[in-house]
Protein backbone atom coordinates (compact mmCIF):
# COMPACT_ATOMS: atom_id res chain seq x y z
CA MET A 1 -5.10 9.81 23.49
CA HIS A 2 -5.80 6.08 23.51
CA HIS A 3 -6.87 4.04 20.48
CA ASP A 4 -8.51 0.67 20.26
CA CYS A 5 -6.53 -1.11 17.52
CA SER A 6 -9.23 -3.62 16.70
CA ALA A 7 -11.90 -0.92 16.51
CA ASN A 8 -9.78 1.21 14.20
CA LEU A 9 -8.98 -1.74 11.97
CA LEU A 10 -12.67 -2.61 11.78
CA PHE A 11 -13.55 1.01 10.96
CA SER A 12 -10.94 1.10 8.21
CA ALA A 13 -12.17 -2.18 6.75
CA LEU A 14 -15.78 -0.97 6.68
CA ALA A 15 -14.93 2.49 5.37
CA VAL A 16 -12.90 1.16 2.44
CA GLU A 17 -16.05 0.05 0.63
CA ASP A 18 -17.86 3.34 1.19
CA ILE A 19 -15.37 5.88 -0.12
CA VAL A 20 -14.43 6.30 -3.76
CA SER A 21 -10.69 6.32 -4.40
CA MET A 22 -8.78 9.01 -6.23
CA PRO A 23 -8.59 8.42 -9.98
CA GLU A 24 -4.89 7.53 -9.90
CA HIS A 25 -5.45 4.51 -7.68
CA ASP A 26 -7.39 1.33 -8.20
CA GLU A 27 -7.86 0.67 -4.48
CA GLN A 28 -8.77 2.83 -1.55
CA ASP A 29 -6.05 3.32 1.04
CA VAL A 30 -5.84 4.78 4.51
CA ARG A 31 -4.59 8.13 3.18
CA GLU A 32 -8.03 8.87 1.77
CA LEU A 33 -10.08 7.97 4.86
CA PRO A 34 -11.45 10.58 7.30
CA ALA A 35 -8.92 10.77 10.13
CA TYR A 36 -8.61 14.33 11.47
CA GLY A 37 -11.17 16.64 13.03
CA ILE A 38 -11.05 20.38 12.37
CA ALA A 39 -9.37 21.28 15.68
CA GLU A 40 -6.65 18.66 15.37
CA ALA A 41 -5.88 19.43 11.72
CA ALA A 42 -5.83 23.18 12.34
CA HIS A 43 -3.40 22.57 15.20
CA TYR A 44 -1.02 20.61 12.95
CA LEU A 45 -1.29 23.19 10.15
CA LEU A 46 -0.95 26.30 12.34
CA VAL A 47 -4.11 27.86 10.88
CA PRO A 48 -7.21 29.06 12.77
CA PRO A 49 -9.92 26.37 13.04
CA ALA A 50 -12.50 28.78 11.59
CA THR A 51 -10.31 29.31 8.52
CA LEU A 52 -9.85 25.59 7.95
CA ARG A 53 -13.57 25.00 8.39
CA ALA A 54 -14.29 27.64 5.74
CA TRP A 55 -11.90 25.93 3.32
CA LEU A 56 -13.71 22.61 3.79
CA ALA A 57 -17.34 23.64 4.31
CA GLY A 58 -17.56 27.07 2.71
CA MET A 59 -18.99 30.09 4.46
CA SER A 60 -21.20 33.10 3.95
CA TYR A 61 -19.81 36.58 3.44
CA GLY A 62 -21.07 40.11 2.96
CA ALA A 63 -23.87 41.90 4.77
CA ASP A 64 -27.61 41.30 4.64
CA PRO A 65 -29.56 41.46 2.38
CA HIS A 66 -26.69 40.79 -0.03
CA ARG A 67 -25.06 37.98 1.93
CA LYS A 68 -23.47 35.37 -0.33
CA LEU A 69 -22.19 31.85 0.14
CA PHE A 70 -19.09 30.49 -1.53
CA LYS A 71 -18.40 26.82 -2.00
CA PRO A 72 -15.60 24.89 -0.24
CA VAL A 73 -12.15 24.93 -1.86
CA ILE A 74 -11.24 21.47 -0.51
CA LYS A 75 -13.55 18.47 -0.75
CA PRO A 76 -13.44 16.83 2.72
CA ALA A 77 -13.33 13.07 3.25
CA ALA A 78 -16.40 13.33 5.50
CA THR A 79 -18.98 16.06 6.07
CA SER A 80 -20.99 14.83 9.07
CA PRO A 81 -19.06 15.34 11.19
CA LEU A 82 -16.57 17.33 9.14
CA ALA A 83 -13.29 15.41 8.89
CA LEU A 84 -10.13 15.48 6.81
CA SER A 85 -8.22 12.64 5.26
CA PHE A 86 -4.42 12.69 5.07
CA VAL A 87 -4.80 13.86 1.45
CA ASN A 88 -7.02 16.73 2.66
CA LEU A 89 -4.35 17.59 5.23
CA ILE A 90 -1.81 17.88 2.39
CA GLU A 91 -4.18 20.12 0.40
CA ALA A 92 -4.75 22.41 3.38
CA HIS A 93 -1.01 22.50 4.09
CA VAL A 94 -0.38 23.75 0.54
CA LEU A 95 -3.26 26.21 0.69
CA ALA A 96 -1.86 27.60 3.95
CA ALA A 97 1.17 28.82 1.99
CA ILE A 98 -0.99 31.41 0.23
CA ARG A 99 -2.67 32.46 3.45
CA ARG A 100 0.69 33.27 5.01
CA LYS A 101 1.35 35.95 2.38
CA HIS A 102 -2.00 37.30 1.24
CA ARG A 103 -5.41 37.84 2.70
CA VAL A 104 -7.06 34.90 0.98
CA ASP A 105 -9.93 35.77 -1.33
CA MET A 106 -11.63 32.38 -1.19
CA PRO A 107 -13.81 32.68 -4.32
CA ALA A 108 -10.70 33.59 -6.34
CA VAL A 109 -8.69 30.74 -4.81
CA ARG A 110 -11.52 28.30 -5.55
CA ARG A 111 -11.61 29.40 -9.19
CA ALA A 112 -7.84 28.92 -9.45
CA ILE A 113 -8.11 25.45 -7.89
CA ASP A 114 -11.05 24.55 -10.16
CA PHE A 115 -8.83 25.50 -13.10
CA LEU A 116 -6.15 23.08 -11.88
CA ARG A 117 -8.74 20.39 -11.17
CA LYS A 118 -9.75 20.44 -14.83
CA GLU A 119 -6.17 20.81 -16.04
CA PHE A 120 -4.91 17.81 -14.01
CA ARG A 121 -8.19 15.84 -14.12
CA SER A 122 -7.76 15.37 -10.38
CA GLN A 123 -10.18 15.81 -7.48
CA HIS A 124 -7.29 16.91 -5.26
CA PRO A 125 -5.06 19.09 -7.47
CA LEU A 126 -3.14 20.70 -4.60
CA ALA A 127 -2.05 17.24 -3.45
CA ASP A 128 -1.35 15.99 -6.97
CA HIS A 129 2.30 15.39 -7.86
CA LYS A 130 1.75 17.47 -11.01
CA PHE A 131 1.30 20.50 -8.79
CA GLU A 132 5.00 20.30 -7.87
CA THR A 133 6.03 20.65 -11.51
CA ASN A 134 3.97 22.98 -13.70
CA GLY A 135 1.10 23.27 -11.22
CA VAL A 136 2.73 25.94 -9.07
CA ASP A 137 3.29 28.25 -12.03
CA LEU A 138 -0.20 27.64 -13.39
CA PHE A 139 -1.82 28.33 -10.02
CA VAL A 140 0.24 31.45 -9.25
CA GLU A 141 -0.42 32.85 -12.73
CA ARG A 142 -4.17 32.29 -12.47
CA PHE A 143 -4.25 33.46 -8.84
CA GLY A 144 -2.33 36.60 -9.84
CA GLN A 145 -4.74 37.35 -12.67
CA LEU A 146 -7.79 36.91 -10.46
CA LEU A 147 -6.50 39.16 -7.69
CA ALA A 148 -4.25 41.47 -9.71
CA VAL A 149 -1.28 40.41 -7.58
CA SER A 150 1.97 42.15 -8.58
CA GLN A 151 4.92 40.25 -10.07
CA GLY A 152 6.73 40.62 -6.75
CA GLY A 153 3.70 39.30 -4.92
CA GLN A 154 3.45 36.34 -7.29
CA LEU A 155 7.11 35.52 -6.72
CA ALA A 156 6.55 35.55 -2.95
CA VAL A 157 3.55 33.22 -3.29
CA ARG A 158 5.55 30.89 -5.54
CA GLU A 159 8.41 30.73 -3.03
CA LEU A 160 6.04 29.99 -0.14
CA LEU A 161 4.30 27.26 -2.13
CA GLN A 162 7.63 25.63 -2.97
CA ALA A 163 8.72 25.80 0.69
CA HIS A 164 5.50 24.04 1.71
CA LEU A 165 5.84 21.44 -1.04
CA LYS A 166 9.31 20.52 0.26
CA ARG A 167 7.62 19.33 3.47
CA ILE A 168 5.73 16.62 1.54
CA GLU A 169 7.29 13.21 0.88
CA ARG A 170 5.75 11.11 -1.88
CA ASP A 171 5.72 7.44 -2.83
CA GLU A 172 7.02 6.05 -6.13
CA LYS A 173 3.70 6.91 -7.83
CA GLY A 174 3.82 10.52 -6.64
CA PHE A 175 1.06 10.07 -4.05
CA PRO A 176 1.60 11.91 -0.71
CA LEU A 177 3.23 9.62 1.82
CA ARG A 178 4.39 11.81 4.70
CA LEU A 179 3.99 15.41 5.83
CA TYR A 180 6.59 17.24 7.89
CA PRO A 181 4.45 20.02 9.44
CA PHE A 182 5.79 23.39 10.44
CA THR A 183 5.98 23.82 14.20
CA ARG A 184 6.87 27.53 14.28
CA VAL A 185 4.75 30.33 12.85
CA GLY A 186 6.45 32.59 10.33
CA GLU A 187 9.45 30.35 9.55
CA THR A 188 9.70 28.20 6.43
CA ASP A 189 13.27 26.94 6.86
CA GLN A 190 12.62 24.48 9.66
CA PRO A 191 14.11 21.04 10.41
CA LYS A 192 11.96 18.02 9.59
CA ASN A 193 11.86 16.75 13.16
CA ILE A 194 8.13 16.02 13.26
CA VAL A 195 6.32 13.83 10.75
CA ILE A 196 2.71 12.84 10.08
CA ASP A 197 2.58 9.42 8.47
CA PRO A 198 -0.89 7.86 8.00
CA PHE A 199 0.67 4.40 8.43
CA ILE A 200 2.25 5.20 11.82
CA SER A 201 0.43 5.91 15.10
CA PHE A 202 -2.94 6.25 13.34
CA GLY A 203 -1.63 9.27 11.43
CA ARG A 204 -0.83 11.30 14.54
CA ALA A 205 2.31 13.45 14.68
CA VAL A 206 5.45 11.60 15.77
CA ILE A 207 9.14 12.42 16.16
CA SER A 208 10.76 11.58 12.82
CA GLY A 209 12.89 8.45 12.86
CA THR A 210 11.43 7.19 16.14
CA GLY A 211 7.67 6.69 15.83
CA VAL A 212 7.31 8.35 19.26
CA SER A 213 4.05 10.29 19.55
CA THR A 214 4.44 14.03 20.09
CA GLU A 215 1.37 13.85 22.31
CA LEU A 216 3.08 11.35 24.62
CA VAL A 217 6.21 13.50 24.81
CA ALA A 218 4.16 16.61 25.63
CA GLU A 219 2.20 14.76 28.33
CA ARG A 220 5.42 13.62 30.01
CA PHE A 221 6.82 17.15 29.74
CA LYS A 222 3.69 18.60 31.36
CA ALA A 223 4.01 15.98 34.11
CA GLY A 224 7.40 17.41 35.06
CA GLU A 225 10.03 15.52 33.07
CA SER A 226 12.67 17.71 31.44
CA ALA A 227 13.51 17.82 27.72
CA ASP A 228 16.94 16.38 28.52
CA GLU A 229 15.42 13.44 30.42
CA LEU A 230 13.02 12.73 27.58
CA ALA A 231 15.81 12.96 24.98
CA MET A 232 17.84 10.41 26.92
CA ASP A 233 14.83 8.14 27.41
CA TYR A 234 13.92 8.12 23.71
CA GLY A 235 17.49 8.15 22.45
CA CYS A 236 17.11 11.24 20.28
CA ALA A 237 18.40 14.81 20.17
CA ARG A 238 16.98 17.39 22.58
CA GLU A 239 16.03 19.48 19.54
CA LYS A 240 13.56 16.81 18.43
CA ILE A 241 12.01 16.67 21.89
CA GLU A 242 11.59 20.45 21.88
CA GLU A 243 9.93 20.30 18.45
CA ALA A 244 7.56 17.60 19.72
CA ILE A 245 6.61 19.83 22.63
CA ARG A 246 6.08 22.80 20.30
CA CYS A 247 3.86 20.65 18.13
CA GLU A 248 1.55 19.95 21.07
CA LEU A 249 1.99 22.93 23.38
CA SER A 250 3.02 26.56 23.01
CA LEU A 251 6.47 27.73 21.97
CA ALA A 252 6.87 29.38 25.36
CA ALA A 253 6.32 26.08 27.17
CA ALA A 254 8.94 24.37 25.04
CA ALA A 255 11.58 27.07 25.53
């Protein structure tokens, strides 16, 4: 993927005036600008694109003539075309924690998130730093009440949420700064070898500590270079190269 630096800088400069910032900040920053399409974000988050689209755009459910439409649970940075900001990516990352344990009842989840939105006075409660303190308990309690989830089920949801929250690095004001996405399905105790930083490589995934694009690593791997050769070339551990390949390709290809 190639980017025109001047074009991106111009886009950012123009977009700053058009998008309202989150309440906690006086000025708009790059973390709130539309930056990820559905396919790319779903790839980073390890969730089906259709699921992510439903979270951001809503969807109809039920059978005719009683078909209903529920509203989105995440307010996207842009709707035409549908695009996520880095903050939206954080919200979806947190929401994915629930999906990994329960079949998500979206109307119930939306009501639980609306409760937090009012409680925190935040448009993005799942990305709010308050969610890491009392927010998890408030959400799990309300979620459990809405879906009659058992105490054991609530504990499992709480543990998954906390595991996902540990992948988020925040700035001194508590605003999301970096996301260390999962690269393997079904595992929560993973090394933080891959990072998404909106201030590095246009917010694309890179190998942590290097700034090297995972896409570039995967392209070189597909072209025939070995993981060992790439590790030597970039001066990092083979494990990080393998994680970069997993991030862009399949686990089988990286093995």
